[in-house]
Amino acid sequence: MVDIKLGVVETRFAEIIWENEPIGSRDLAEICNKELSWKRPTTYNVLRKLCDKNIFQNIDGTVSSIVSKDEFYGMQGEEFVEEAFNGSLPAFVAAFTSRKKLSDKDIDELIHIIQNKKG
C-alpha cells in the first residue's frame, strides 16, 4: 500500500512532477529552485522520500509517477471518508450537502457516476 500522507510542501512538489512528467531530475531541480526556492540537494532529498513512498520513480535521472495524480487524490479522499465517516460515503455526502448547496449540474453528474457504477 502506498503511504499517501504528504505535507503541503510535499504535495506542491508532487504537483510539479505530475505537471511536467516525465522530467529529468536536473530540470526538476531548476523548476523547484524557481517555484519553491529550493537548492538542488533539497529537491533530491524530497524526491528520494517520495520515491521511497512509491509515489514516484527516478530511473536514470528521469522522474515519473508510479501513482497518478487522480489515484493519489482518490486515495486521500477514500482515507478521509474512512476516518471521518466510518467509510460511509452517504454520511459524507449528507454532511457535505448540509453546508453546501449542490447545483443541478452537480446532482446530474453524481447521478451519472452512480448509474455507471451500478453496472
N, C-alpha and C. Protein backbone atom coordinates (compact mmCIF):
# COMPACT_ATOMS: atom_id res chain seq x y z
N MET A 1 0.85 -1.20 0.00
CA MET A 1 0.00 0.00 0.00
C MET A 1 0.88 1.24 0.00
N VAL A 2 0.51 2.22 -0.76
CA VAL A 2 1.25 3.47 -0.86
C VAL A 2 0.97 4.31 0.37
N ASP A 3 2.03 4.90 0.94
CA ASP A 3 1.88 5.84 2.06
C ASP A 3 1.50 7.18 1.45
N ILE A 4 0.22 7.57 1.60
CA ILE A 4 -0.26 8.76 0.92
C ILE A 4 -0.20 10.02 1.77
N LYS A 5 0.35 9.95 2.94
CA LYS A 5 0.43 11.13 3.80
C LYS A 5 1.54 12.04 3.28
N LEU A 6 1.15 13.21 2.80
CA LEU A 6 2.11 14.20 2.34
C LEU A 6 1.77 15.54 2.97
N GLY A 7 2.79 16.29 3.31
CA GLY A 7 2.58 17.63 3.81
C GLY A 7 2.27 18.58 2.66
N VAL A 8 2.01 19.81 3.00
CA VAL A 8 1.64 20.82 1.99
C VAL A 8 2.77 21.00 0.97
N VAL A 9 3.99 21.11 1.43
CA VAL A 9 5.11 21.35 0.52
C VAL A 9 5.38 20.12 -0.33
N GLU A 10 5.31 18.93 0.29
CA GLU A 10 5.50 17.70 -0.49
C GLU A 10 4.41 17.56 -1.56
N THR A 11 3.19 17.95 -1.22
CA THR A 11 2.10 17.89 -2.18
C THR A 11 2.36 18.85 -3.33
N ARG A 12 2.83 20.06 -3.04
CA ARG A 12 3.15 21.03 -4.10
C ARG A 12 4.26 20.47 -4.99
N PHE A 13 5.26 19.84 -4.39
CA PHE A 13 6.35 19.23 -5.14
C PHE A 13 5.81 18.13 -6.05
N ALA A 14 4.92 17.30 -5.52
CA ALA A 14 4.30 16.23 -6.31
C ALA A 14 3.54 16.83 -7.49
N GLU A 15 2.83 17.92 -7.25
CA GLU A 15 2.09 18.59 -8.33
C GLU A 15 3.03 19.03 -9.45
N ILE A 16 4.20 19.54 -9.07
CA ILE A 16 5.18 19.97 -10.07
C ILE A 16 5.60 18.78 -10.93
N ILE A 17 5.83 17.64 -10.29
CA ILE A 17 6.22 16.45 -11.06
C ILE A 17 5.08 16.03 -11.98
N TRP A 18 3.86 15.92 -11.45
CA TRP A 18 2.72 15.50 -12.28
C TRP A 18 2.51 16.44 -13.46
N GLU A 19 2.72 17.74 -13.26
CA GLU A 19 2.53 18.71 -14.33
C GLU A 19 3.59 18.60 -15.43
N ASN A 20 4.76 18.03 -15.10
CA ASN A 20 5.89 18.05 -16.03
C ASN A 20 6.43 16.68 -16.42
N GLU A 21 5.86 15.62 -15.90
CA GLU A 21 6.44 14.29 -16.14
C GLU A 21 6.25 13.79 -17.55
N PRO A 22 7.16 12.96 -18.03
CA PRO A 22 8.42 12.63 -17.38
C PRO A 22 9.37 13.82 -17.46
N ILE A 23 10.15 13.96 -16.41
CA ILE A 23 11.05 15.12 -16.33
C ILE A 23 12.41 14.67 -15.82
N GLY A 24 13.45 15.26 -16.38
CA GLY A 24 14.79 14.99 -15.90
C GLY A 24 14.97 15.57 -14.50
N SER A 25 15.72 14.88 -13.67
CA SER A 25 15.89 15.34 -12.29
C SER A 25 16.57 16.71 -12.22
N ARG A 26 17.46 17.02 -13.15
CA ARG A 26 18.08 18.35 -13.17
C ARG A 26 17.06 19.43 -13.52
N ASP A 27 16.21 19.13 -14.50
CA ASP A 27 15.16 20.08 -14.86
C ASP A 27 14.19 20.28 -13.70
N LEU A 28 13.88 19.19 -13.00
CA LEU A 28 13.01 19.27 -11.83
C LEU A 28 13.64 20.17 -10.77
N ALA A 29 14.94 20.02 -10.55
CA ALA A 29 15.63 20.85 -9.56
C ALA A 29 15.58 22.33 -9.96
N GLU A 30 15.69 22.62 -11.26
CA GLU A 30 15.61 24.01 -11.72
C GLU A 30 14.21 24.60 -11.48
N ILE A 31 13.18 23.82 -11.78
CA ILE A 31 11.81 24.29 -11.55
C ILE A 31 11.58 24.53 -10.06
N CYS A 32 12.06 23.61 -9.22
CA CYS A 32 11.88 23.75 -7.77
C CYS A 32 12.65 24.94 -7.23
N ASN A 33 13.77 25.26 -7.86
CA ASN A 33 14.51 26.45 -7.45
C ASN A 33 13.69 27.70 -7.73
N LYS A 34 13.06 27.74 -8.91
CA LYS A 34 12.25 28.90 -9.29
C LYS A 34 10.96 28.99 -8.49
N GLU A 35 10.25 27.86 -8.34
CA GLU A 35 8.92 27.89 -7.75
C GLU A 35 8.91 27.74 -6.22
N LEU A 36 9.90 27.02 -5.69
CA LEU A 36 9.92 26.75 -4.24
C LEU A 36 11.14 27.34 -3.54
N SER A 37 12.03 27.95 -4.31
CA SER A 37 13.30 28.48 -3.78
C SER A 37 14.15 27.40 -3.12
N TRP A 38 14.11 26.19 -3.69
CA TRP A 38 14.88 25.07 -3.16
C TRP A 38 16.22 24.99 -3.88
N LYS A 39 17.23 24.60 -3.13
CA LYS A 39 18.52 24.25 -3.72
C LYS A 39 18.43 22.80 -4.20
N ARG A 40 19.31 22.43 -5.10
CA ARG A 40 19.30 21.10 -5.70
C ARG A 40 19.26 19.97 -4.66
N PRO A 41 20.09 20.00 -3.59
CA PRO A 41 20.02 18.90 -2.61
C PRO A 41 18.65 18.74 -1.95
N THR A 42 17.95 19.85 -1.73
CA THR A 42 16.61 19.77 -1.13
C THR A 42 15.67 19.04 -2.08
N THR A 43 15.70 19.40 -3.35
CA THR A 43 14.87 18.73 -4.35
C THR A 43 15.16 17.24 -4.36
N TYR A 44 16.43 16.87 -4.39
CA TYR A 44 16.79 15.45 -4.46
C TYR A 44 16.39 14.71 -3.19
N ASN A 45 16.50 15.35 -2.03
CA ASN A 45 16.11 14.70 -0.77
C ASN A 45 14.60 14.44 -0.73
N VAL A 46 13.81 15.45 -1.12
CA VAL A 46 12.35 15.27 -1.11
C VAL A 46 11.95 14.25 -2.18
N LEU A 47 12.58 14.28 -3.33
CA LEU A 47 12.30 13.30 -4.37
C LEU A 47 12.59 11.89 -3.86
N ARG A 48 13.70 11.71 -3.19
CA ARG A 48 14.05 10.39 -2.66
C ARG A 48 12.99 9.90 -1.68
N LYS A 49 12.50 10.81 -0.82
CA LYS A 49 11.46 10.43 0.15
C LYS A 49 10.18 9.99 -0.56
N LEU A 50 9.79 10.70 -1.62
CA LEU A 50 8.57 10.34 -2.33
C LEU A 50 8.76 9.08 -3.18
N CYS A 51 9.98 8.85 -3.61
CA CYS A 51 10.28 7.58 -4.30
C CYS A 51 10.22 6.43 -3.29
N ASP A 52 10.72 6.66 -2.08
CA ASP A 52 10.64 5.64 -1.02
C ASP A 52 9.20 5.31 -0.66
N LYS A 53 8.29 6.28 -0.83
CA LYS A 53 6.87 6.06 -0.56
C LYS A 53 6.17 5.44 -1.77
N ASN A 54 6.93 5.14 -2.82
CA ASN A 54 6.40 4.52 -4.05
C ASN A 54 5.34 5.37 -4.75
N ILE A 55 5.52 6.69 -4.69
CA ILE A 55 4.65 7.59 -5.43
C ILE A 55 5.30 7.95 -6.76
N PHE A 56 6.63 8.13 -6.73
CA PHE A 56 7.40 8.45 -7.93
C PHE A 56 8.56 7.49 -8.07
N GLN A 57 9.15 7.52 -9.26
CA GLN A 57 10.37 6.77 -9.50
C GLN A 57 11.37 7.66 -10.23
N ASN A 58 12.64 7.40 -10.00
CA ASN A 58 13.72 8.14 -10.66
C ASN A 58 14.62 7.10 -11.32
N ILE A 59 14.42 6.90 -12.61
CA ILE A 59 15.18 5.90 -13.33
C ILE A 59 16.12 6.60 -14.29
N ASP A 60 17.41 6.41 -14.03
CA ASP A 60 18.45 7.02 -14.87
C ASP A 60 18.26 8.53 -15.02
N GLY A 61 17.85 9.19 -13.93
CA GLY A 61 17.71 10.64 -13.94
C GLY A 61 16.42 11.15 -14.53
N THR A 62 15.49 10.25 -14.86
CA THR A 62 14.18 10.65 -15.36
C THR A 62 13.12 10.32 -14.31
N VAL A 63 12.41 11.34 -13.90
CA VAL A 63 11.41 11.20 -12.84
C VAL A 63 10.03 11.05 -13.47
N SER A 64 9.29 10.05 -12.98
CA SER A 64 7.91 9.83 -13.43
C SER A 64 7.10 9.26 -12.28
N SER A 65 5.80 9.26 -12.45
CA SER A 65 4.93 8.81 -11.36
C SER A 65 4.71 7.31 -11.41
N ILE A 66 4.56 6.75 -10.24
CA ILE A 66 4.07 5.38 -10.06
C ILE A 66 2.57 5.49 -9.77
N VAL A 67 2.22 6.51 -8.99
CA VAL A 67 0.83 6.80 -8.65
C VAL A 67 0.44 8.08 -9.37
N SER A 68 -0.62 8.02 -10.16
CA SER A 68 -1.07 9.20 -10.89
C SER A 68 -1.68 10.21 -9.93
N LYS A 69 -1.84 11.42 -10.39
CA LYS A 69 -2.46 12.48 -9.60
C LYS A 69 -3.88 12.08 -9.20
N ASP A 70 -4.66 11.55 -10.14
CA ASP A 70 -6.03 11.13 -9.84
C ASP A 70 -6.06 10.00 -8.81
N GLU A 71 -5.17 9.03 -8.96
CA GLU A 71 -5.10 7.93 -7.98
C GLU A 71 -4.74 8.47 -6.60
N PHE A 72 -3.78 9.39 -6.55
CA PHE A 72 -3.33 9.96 -5.28
C PHE A 72 -4.48 10.65 -4.55
N TYR A 73 -5.18 11.55 -5.27
CA TYR A 73 -6.26 12.28 -4.63
C TYR A 73 -7.45 11.36 -4.33
N GLY A 74 -7.65 10.35 -5.15
CA GLY A 74 -8.68 9.36 -4.87
C GLY A 74 -8.40 8.61 -3.58
N MET A 75 -7.15 8.21 -3.38
CA MET A 75 -6.77 7.52 -2.15
C MET A 75 -6.91 8.43 -0.94
N GLN A 76 -6.55 9.70 -1.10
CA GLN A 76 -6.69 10.64 0.01
C GLN A 76 -8.16 10.82 0.38
N GLY A 77 -9.01 10.94 -0.63
CA GLY A 77 -10.44 11.08 -0.37
C GLY A 77 -11.02 9.85 0.29
N GLU A 78 -10.60 8.69 -0.17
CA GLU A 78 -11.07 7.43 0.41
C GLU A 78 -10.65 7.32 1.88
N GLU A 79 -9.41 7.68 2.15
CA GLU A 79 -8.92 7.64 3.54
C GLU A 79 -9.69 8.62 4.43
N PHE A 80 -9.98 9.82 3.90
CA PHE A 80 -10.73 10.81 4.66
C PHE A 80 -12.13 10.28 5.02
N VAL A 81 -12.82 9.72 4.02
CA VAL A 81 -14.17 9.19 4.27
C VAL A 81 -14.09 8.04 5.28
N GLU A 82 -13.09 7.21 5.15
CA GLU A 82 -12.92 6.09 6.08
C GLU A 82 -12.72 6.58 7.51
N GLU A 83 -11.83 7.55 7.69
CA GLU A 83 -11.50 8.03 9.03
C GLU A 83 -12.61 8.91 9.62
N ALA A 84 -13.17 9.79 8.84
CA ALA A 84 -14.12 10.77 9.37
C ALA A 84 -15.56 10.28 9.39
N PHE A 85 -15.90 9.33 8.52
CA PHE A 85 -17.29 8.91 8.39
C PHE A 85 -17.44 7.39 8.45
N ASN A 86 -16.48 6.73 9.09
CA ASN A 86 -16.51 5.26 9.19
C ASN A 86 -16.72 4.59 7.84
N GLY A 87 -16.17 5.18 6.80
CA GLY A 87 -16.25 4.60 5.47
C GLY A 87 -17.59 4.78 4.76
N SER A 88 -18.49 5.55 5.36
CA SER A 88 -19.81 5.73 4.77
C SER A 88 -19.83 6.91 3.81
N LEU A 89 -19.87 6.62 2.53
CA LEU A 89 -19.96 7.68 1.53
C LEU A 89 -21.27 8.46 1.65
N PRO A 90 -22.42 7.78 1.89
CA PRO A 90 -23.65 8.54 2.09
C PRO A 90 -23.57 9.51 3.27
N ALA A 91 -22.92 9.12 4.36
CA ALA A 91 -22.77 10.03 5.50
C ALA A 91 -21.92 11.23 5.12
N PHE A 92 -20.87 11.01 4.34
CA PHE A 92 -20.04 12.11 3.87
C PHE A 92 -20.86 13.06 2.99
N VAL A 93 -21.60 12.51 2.03
CA VAL A 93 -22.39 13.34 1.13
C VAL A 93 -23.43 14.13 1.91
N ALA A 94 -24.07 13.48 2.89
CA ALA A 94 -25.07 14.17 3.71
C ALA A 94 -24.43 15.33 4.47
N ALA A 95 -23.26 15.11 5.05
CA ALA A 95 -22.57 16.17 5.79
C ALA A 95 -22.15 17.29 4.84
N PHE A 96 -21.62 16.92 3.69
CA PHE A 96 -21.16 17.90 2.71
C PHE A 96 -22.31 18.78 2.22
N THR A 97 -23.42 18.12 1.89
CA THR A 97 -24.55 18.87 1.33
C THR A 97 -25.35 19.63 2.38
N SER A 98 -25.10 19.35 3.65
CA SER A 98 -25.79 20.12 4.69
C SER A 98 -25.22 21.54 4.78
N ARG A 99 -24.01 21.74 4.25
CA ARG A 99 -23.37 23.06 4.31
C ARG A 99 -23.21 23.70 2.94
N LYS A 100 -23.31 22.91 1.90
CA LYS A 100 -23.08 23.44 0.54
C LYS A 100 -24.20 22.95 -0.37
N LYS A 101 -24.87 23.89 -1.00
CA LYS A 101 -25.94 23.54 -1.92
C LYS A 101 -25.34 23.00 -3.21
N LEU A 102 -25.86 21.88 -3.66
CA LEU A 102 -25.42 21.31 -4.93
C LEU A 102 -26.20 21.94 -6.07
N SER A 103 -25.50 22.24 -7.15
CA SER A 103 -26.18 22.75 -8.34
C SER A 103 -26.85 21.58 -9.06
N ASP A 104 -27.75 21.90 -9.96
CA ASP A 104 -28.38 20.86 -10.76
C ASP A 104 -27.34 20.08 -11.55
N LYS A 105 -26.32 20.78 -12.02
CA LYS A 105 -25.24 20.11 -12.77
C LYS A 105 -24.50 19.13 -11.87
N ASP A 106 -24.19 19.54 -10.62
CA ASP A 106 -23.52 18.65 -9.66
C ASP A 106 -24.36 17.39 -9.43
N ILE A 107 -25.65 17.59 -9.22
CA ILE A 107 -26.55 16.46 -8.96
C ILE A 107 -26.60 15.53 -10.17
N ASP A 108 -26.71 16.11 -11.37
CA ASP A 108 -26.74 15.29 -12.58
C ASP A 108 -25.44 14.49 -12.74
N GLU A 109 -24.32 15.11 -12.45
CA GLU A 109 -23.03 14.41 -12.55
C GLU A 109 -22.94 13.27 -11.54
N LEU A 110 -23.40 13.52 -10.31
CA LEU A 110 -23.39 12.48 -9.28
C LEU A 110 -24.29 11.31 -9.67
N ILE A 111 -25.47 11.62 -10.18
CA ILE A 111 -26.39 10.57 -10.63
C ILE A 111 -25.74 9.76 -11.75
N HIS A 112 -25.10 10.43 -12.68
CA HIS A 112 -24.42 9.75 -13.79
C HIS A 112 -23.32 8.82 -13.26
N ILE A 113 -22.52 9.29 -12.32
CA ILE A 113 -21.45 8.47 -11.74
C ILE A 113 -22.04 7.23 -11.07
N ILE A 114 -23.09 7.44 -10.27
CA ILE A 114 -23.70 6.31 -9.55
C ILE A 114 -24.30 5.31 -10.53
N GLN A 115 -24.99 5.80 -11.55
CA GLN A 115 -25.60 4.88 -12.53
C GLN A 115 -24.54 4.08 -13.27
N ASN A 116 -23.41 4.69 -13.57
CA ASN A 116 -22.33 3.97 -14.24
C ASN A 116 -21.70 2.93 -13.34
N LYS A 117 -21.68 3.16 -12.04
CA LYS A 117 -21.11 2.20 -11.09
C LYS A 117 -22.06 1.05 -10.80
N LYS A 118 -23.37 1.27 -10.99
CA LYS A 118 -24.36 0.22 -10.76
C LYS A 118 -24.19 -0.92 -11.76
N GLY A 119 -23.75 -0.57 -12.95
CA GLY A 119 -23.45 -1.52 -13.99
C GLY A 119 -24.60 -2.24 -14.53
